[in-house]
Amino acid sequence: MTTRAEILIIGNEILSGKVADEHAAFLCRELRLLGVDVRRVVVIPDEVDTIAESVRAAWGRADLIITTGGVGPTHDDVTIEGLAKGLGRPLVRHPVLAQLVRDVYGASDDPYVNRLADVPEGATLIAAEGLRVPVLAVEKVYVFPGVPEVFRRKFHAIKARFQNPPFFLRTIYLGVREESVAGLLYDASAKHPDVALGSYPVGNRGAYRVRLTLESKDRMRLETAFAFVMDRLPSGSVVSVDREPDPTG
């Protein structure tokens, strides 16, 4: 079984265009390299009820849920509250996080600072080398900050736990228009439904006009589908073919 993932990108600043999202492409690329199948990316506002609804919906579909953003001390940092509501769990103060807050800010009665130590009941902390603050997880939900540099450092620190059997990829570059191979692609997709077939036109730029990709976790099925497509492509249409490095080494 392949892990199915959903990504919740949380932040009014993304939806308003004030900040460009850097997380979706990064996570889709990194998780694919880890053999994880990303099924959905959702961008939602800093609203407790919306976050709760999105978490509940993702929980019923996905094996892995990653959230980014909304974990600071300010009024719009409501990801933890939304997560707790979505999972039907109370917020509790985590002793390890409470100590980290004291280490950074000193002993304080400031409720806005101390809320940084609040987590949904049953949450765990994942420590890793190079991380001052552990990653928060609630079963299959992993909570990451929105700041790109911090987010990426935390993700790389724990990404090995998401490792799945790898995807294998073959790529075919064509010098013809996409329309000339549309029928073939329909046939190939129907005959080899367990191989993901993609077609990406690039117009008149560069040395090719269409990039075809075939992807599967089963190498034999991939090669069978690849041979099926290659045998039926129009004569002279193939510019080049390549294969990603074998992820198994």
Protein backbone atom coordinates (compact mmCIF):
# COMPACT_ATOMS: atom_id res chain seq x y z
CA MET A 1 0.00 0.00 0.00
CA THR A 2 1.21 3.48 -0.87
CA THR A 3 0.85 6.24 1.71
CA ARG A 4 -1.74 8.78 0.56
CA ALA A 5 -1.01 12.32 1.71
CA GLU A 6 -2.96 15.54 1.91
CA ILE A 7 -1.42 18.96 2.51
CA LEU A 8 -3.18 21.83 4.27
CA ILE A 9 -1.53 25.19 3.65
CA ILE A 10 -2.95 27.61 6.19
CA GLY A 11 -2.72 31.37 5.94
CA ASN A 12 -4.72 34.43 4.94
CA GLU A 13 -1.52 35.84 3.47
CA ILE A 14 -1.43 33.08 0.86
CA LEU A 15 -5.06 33.53 -0.16
CA SER A 16 -4.73 37.31 -0.36
CA GLY A 17 -1.59 37.15 -2.47
CA LYS A 18 0.51 39.02 0.09
CA VAL A 19 2.87 36.04 0.30
CA ALA A 20 3.62 33.52 -2.44
CA ASP A 21 3.22 29.89 -1.39
CA GLU A 22 6.53 28.02 -1.40
CA HIS A 23 5.34 24.87 0.32
CA ALA A 24 3.07 23.03 -2.11
CA ALA A 25 5.61 22.38 -4.88
CA PHE A 26 8.34 21.60 -2.35
CA LEU A 27 6.22 19.09 -0.46
CA CYS A 28 4.80 17.42 -3.57
CA ARG A 29 8.30 16.98 -4.96
CA GLU A 30 9.87 15.77 -1.72
CA LEU A 31 7.05 13.40 -0.83
CA ARG A 32 7.09 11.91 -4.33
CA LEU A 33 10.79 11.18 -3.92
CA LEU A 34 9.88 9.43 -0.67
CA GLY A 35 7.33 7.25 -2.49
CA VAL A 36 4.32 9.09 -1.00
CA ASP A 37 1.30 9.75 -3.20
CA VAL A 38 0.03 13.31 -2.65
CA ARG A 39 -3.69 13.30 -3.36
CA ARG A 40 -4.74 16.82 -2.48
CA VAL A 41 -3.33 20.26 -1.62
CA VAL A 42 -5.72 22.72 0.02
CA VAL A 43 -5.08 26.37 0.86
CA ILE A 44 -7.33 27.63 3.66
CA PRO A 45 -7.63 30.78 5.77
CA ASP A 46 -6.69 31.28 9.41
CA GLU A 47 -10.12 30.28 10.68
CA VAL A 48 -10.64 27.73 13.42
CA ASP A 49 -13.81 26.23 11.94
CA THR A 50 -12.36 26.01 8.42
CA ILE A 51 -9.22 24.33 9.70
CA ALA A 52 -11.30 21.92 11.78
CA GLU A 53 -13.49 21.00 8.79
CA SER A 54 -10.47 20.52 6.54
CA VAL A 55 -8.71 18.30 9.07
CA ARG A 56 -11.80 16.14 9.54
CA ALA A 57 -12.23 15.75 5.77
CA ALA A 58 -8.57 14.87 5.22
CA TRP A 59 -8.60 12.44 8.15
CA GLY A 60 -11.12 10.24 6.40
CA ARG A 61 -9.15 10.08 3.15
CA ALA A 62 -5.44 10.31 3.87
CA ASP A 63 -2.79 8.26 5.64
CA LEU A 64 -0.60 11.32 6.17
CA ILE A 65 -1.69 14.94 6.71
CA ILE A 66 0.78 17.81 6.72
CA THR A 67 -0.17 21.32 7.79
CA THR A 68 1.92 24.44 7.32
CA GLY A 69 1.44 27.85 8.91
CA GLY A 70 -0.49 29.38 11.78
CA VAL A 71 1.54 28.16 14.75
CA GLY A 72 2.84 31.40 16.28
CA PRO A 73 1.66 33.56 19.20
CA THR A 74 -0.49 36.11 17.35
CA HIS A 75 -4.27 36.38 16.92
CA ASP A 76 -4.28 34.69 13.50
CA ASP A 77 -2.19 31.69 14.59
CA VAL A 78 -5.08 29.29 15.13
CA THR A 79 -3.87 26.07 13.50
CA ILE A 80 -3.46 24.21 16.80
CA GLU A 81 -6.90 25.27 17.99
CA GLY A 82 -8.45 24.27 14.67
CA LEU A 83 -6.67 20.91 14.71
CA ALA A 84 -7.88 20.19 18.23
CA LYS A 85 -11.45 21.09 17.30
CA GLY A 86 -11.31 19.02 14.13
CA LEU A 87 -10.16 15.94 16.03
CA GLY A 88 -12.48 16.52 18.97
CA ARG A 89 -9.66 16.86 21.48
CA PRO A 90 -9.11 19.42 24.22
CA LEU A 91 -6.07 21.67 24.25
CA VAL A 92 -3.54 20.82 26.97
CA ARG A 93 -0.23 22.37 27.94
CA HIS A 94 2.71 20.17 26.95
CA PRO A 95 5.43 20.22 29.64
CA VAL A 96 8.33 19.97 27.19
CA LEU A 97 7.05 22.85 25.10
CA ALA A 98 6.29 24.84 28.24
CA GLN A 99 9.91 24.50 29.29
CA LEU A 100 11.11 25.53 25.83
CA VAL A 101 8.91 28.62 26.04
CA ARG A 102 10.44 29.49 29.40
CA ASP A 103 13.94 28.93 28.01
CA VAL A 104 13.28 31.36 25.15
CA TYR A 105 11.03 33.98 26.76
CA GLY A 106 11.70 33.49 30.46
CA ALA A 107 9.04 32.83 33.08
CA SER A 108 5.99 34.83 32.08
CA ASP A 109 2.27 35.09 32.72
CA ASP A 110 1.71 36.33 29.18
CA PRO A 111 -1.09 34.08 27.83
CA TYR A 112 -0.15 34.81 24.22
CA VAL A 113 3.37 33.51 24.74
CA ASN A 114 2.37 30.56 26.90
CA ARG A 115 -0.17 29.36 24.32
CA LEU A 116 2.83 28.26 22.25
CA ALA A 117 2.98 25.26 24.59
CA ASP A 118 -0.67 24.24 24.01
CA VAL A 119 -1.31 21.12 21.92
CA PRO A 120 -4.24 18.81 21.20
CA GLU A 121 -4.48 16.10 23.82
CA GLY A 122 -2.47 13.04 22.81
CA ALA A 123 0.00 14.98 20.67
CA THR A 124 3.60 13.84 20.49
CA LEU A 125 6.84 15.72 19.89
CA ILE A 126 9.33 14.43 17.34
CA ALA A 127 12.86 15.48 18.14
CA ALA A 128 15.66 15.35 15.60
CA GLU A 129 19.24 16.50 15.32
CA GLY A 130 19.50 20.21 14.63
CA LEU A 131 15.98 21.04 15.83
CA ARG A 132 15.61 23.26 18.85
CA VAL A 133 11.83 22.88 18.76
CA PRO A 134 10.51 19.39 17.94
CA VAL A 135 7.90 18.72 15.27
CA LEU A 136 4.38 18.38 16.65
CA ALA A 137 2.38 15.34 15.53
CA VAL A 138 -1.11 14.15 16.37
CA GLU A 139 -1.24 10.59 15.10
CA LYS A 140 -1.07 11.01 11.29
CA VAL A 141 -1.14 14.83 11.32
CA TYR A 142 2.23 16.62 11.27
CA VAL A 143 2.25 20.33 12.07
CA PHE A 144 4.91 22.57 10.51
CA PRO A 145 5.51 26.33 10.72
CA GLY A 146 4.90 28.61 7.76
CA VAL A 147 8.31 30.31 7.60
CA PRO A 148 9.92 28.55 4.59
CA GLU A 149 13.45 28.22 6.00
CA VAL A 150 12.22 26.80 9.32
CA PHE A 151 9.63 24.61 7.64
CA ARG A 152 12.16 23.02 5.28
CA ARG A 153 14.70 22.44 8.03
CA LYS A 154 12.10 20.66 10.14
CA PHE A 155 10.77 18.61 7.24
CA HIS A 156 14.22 17.41 6.19
CA ALA A 157 15.01 16.51 9.80
CA ILE A 158 12.16 13.99 10.04
CA LYS A 159 11.32 13.07 6.44
CA ALA A 160 12.84 9.58 6.72
CA ARG A 161 9.79 8.51 8.72
CA PHE A 162 7.63 9.07 5.61
CA GLN A 163 9.68 6.76 3.39
CA ASN A 164 7.69 4.37 1.15
CA PRO A 165 8.71 2.04 -1.67
CA PRO A 166 9.83 4.30 -4.52
CA PHE A 167 8.13 5.33 -7.72
CA PHE A 168 9.90 4.48 -11.00
CA LEU A 169 9.74 6.93 -13.89
CA ARG A 170 10.29 6.85 -17.64
CA THR A 171 10.16 10.04 -19.73
CA ILE A 172 9.67 10.39 -23.49
CA TYR A 173 10.29 13.70 -25.29
CA LEU A 174 8.35 14.21 -28.50
CA GLY A 175 8.83 16.60 -31.38
CA VAL A 176 5.15 16.48 -32.40
CA ARG A 177 2.03 18.19 -31.12
CA GLU A 178 0.04 16.61 -28.29
CA GLU A 179 -3.01 16.12 -30.52
CA SER A 180 -1.12 13.64 -32.69
CA VAL A 181 -0.69 11.21 -29.77
CA ALA A 182 -3.96 11.82 -27.89
CA GLY A 183 -5.57 8.61 -29.13
CA LEU A 184 -2.53 6.57 -28.17
CA LEU A 185 -2.53 8.06 -24.69
CA TYR A 186 -6.18 7.13 -24.19
CA ASP A 187 -5.41 3.57 -25.28
CA ALA A 188 -2.31 3.30 -23.09
CA SER A 189 -4.13 4.66 -20.05
CA ALA A 190 -6.98 2.18 -20.51
CA LYS A 191 -4.68 -0.80 -21.11
CA HIS A 192 -2.29 0.04 -18.26
CA PRO A 193 -4.44 1.66 -15.55
CA ASP A 194 -1.88 0.93 -12.84
CA VAL A 195 0.73 3.12 -14.56
CA ALA A 196 0.35 6.90 -14.20
CA LEU A 197 0.64 8.48 -17.65
CA GLY A 198 1.17 12.21 -18.00
CA SER A 199 1.39 14.46 -21.05
CA TYR A 200 2.87 17.97 -20.80
CA PRO A 201 3.03 20.21 -23.90
CA VAL A 202 5.62 23.00 -23.98
CA GLY A 203 4.61 24.75 -27.19
CA ASN A 204 7.27 25.56 -29.77
CA ARG A 205 10.10 26.23 -27.34
CA GLY A 206 13.22 24.12 -27.07
CA ALA A 207 14.15 20.81 -28.60
CA TYR A 208 10.81 19.06 -27.95
CA ARG A 209 7.10 19.90 -27.90
CA VAL A 210 5.61 17.32 -25.54
CA ARG A 211 6.99 15.49 -22.51
CA LEU A 212 5.36 12.15 -21.71
CA THR A 213 5.90 10.55 -18.30
CA LEU A 214 5.09 7.02 -17.17
CA GLU A 215 5.27 6.25 -13.47
CA SER A 216 4.68 3.21 -11.30
CA LYS A 217 5.97 1.44 -8.22
CA ASP A 218 6.04 -1.81 -10.20
CA ARG A 219 9.04 -1.71 -12.54
CA MET A 220 7.84 -4.55 -14.76
CA ARG A 221 4.43 -2.96 -15.32
CA LEU A 222 6.11 0.35 -16.02
CA GLU A 223 8.40 -1.17 -18.64
CA THR A 224 5.47 -3.01 -20.25
CA ALA A 225 3.51 0.24 -20.55
CA PHE A 226 6.59 2.08 -21.79
CA ALA A 227 7.09 -0.50 -24.55
CA PHE A 228 3.40 -0.26 -25.49
CA VAL A 229 3.67 3.51 -25.96
CA MET A 230 7.03 3.44 -27.76
CA ASP A 231 5.81 0.84 -30.25
CA ARG A 232 2.82 3.00 -31.22
CA LEU A 233 4.27 6.50 -31.36
CA PRO A 234 4.35 8.13 -34.81
CA SER A 235 7.51 7.39 -36.74
CA GLY A 236 10.22 9.98 -36.10
CA SER A 237 8.30 11.66 -33.26
CA VAL A 238 10.65 10.68 -30.41
CA VAL A 239 13.33 13.27 -29.71
CA SER A 240 14.85 11.50 -26.72
CA VAL A 241 14.08 9.14 -23.85
CA ASP A 242 15.39 9.14 -20.33
CA ARG A 243 15.02 7.33 -17.07
CA GLU A 244 15.37 8.66 -13.55
CA PRO A 245 18.17 7.10 -11.51
CA ASP A 246 17.08 3.82 -9.94
CA PRO A 247 15.84 4.85 -6.45
CA THR A 248 16.73 1.40 -5.12
CA GLY A 249 20.38 1.91 -6.10
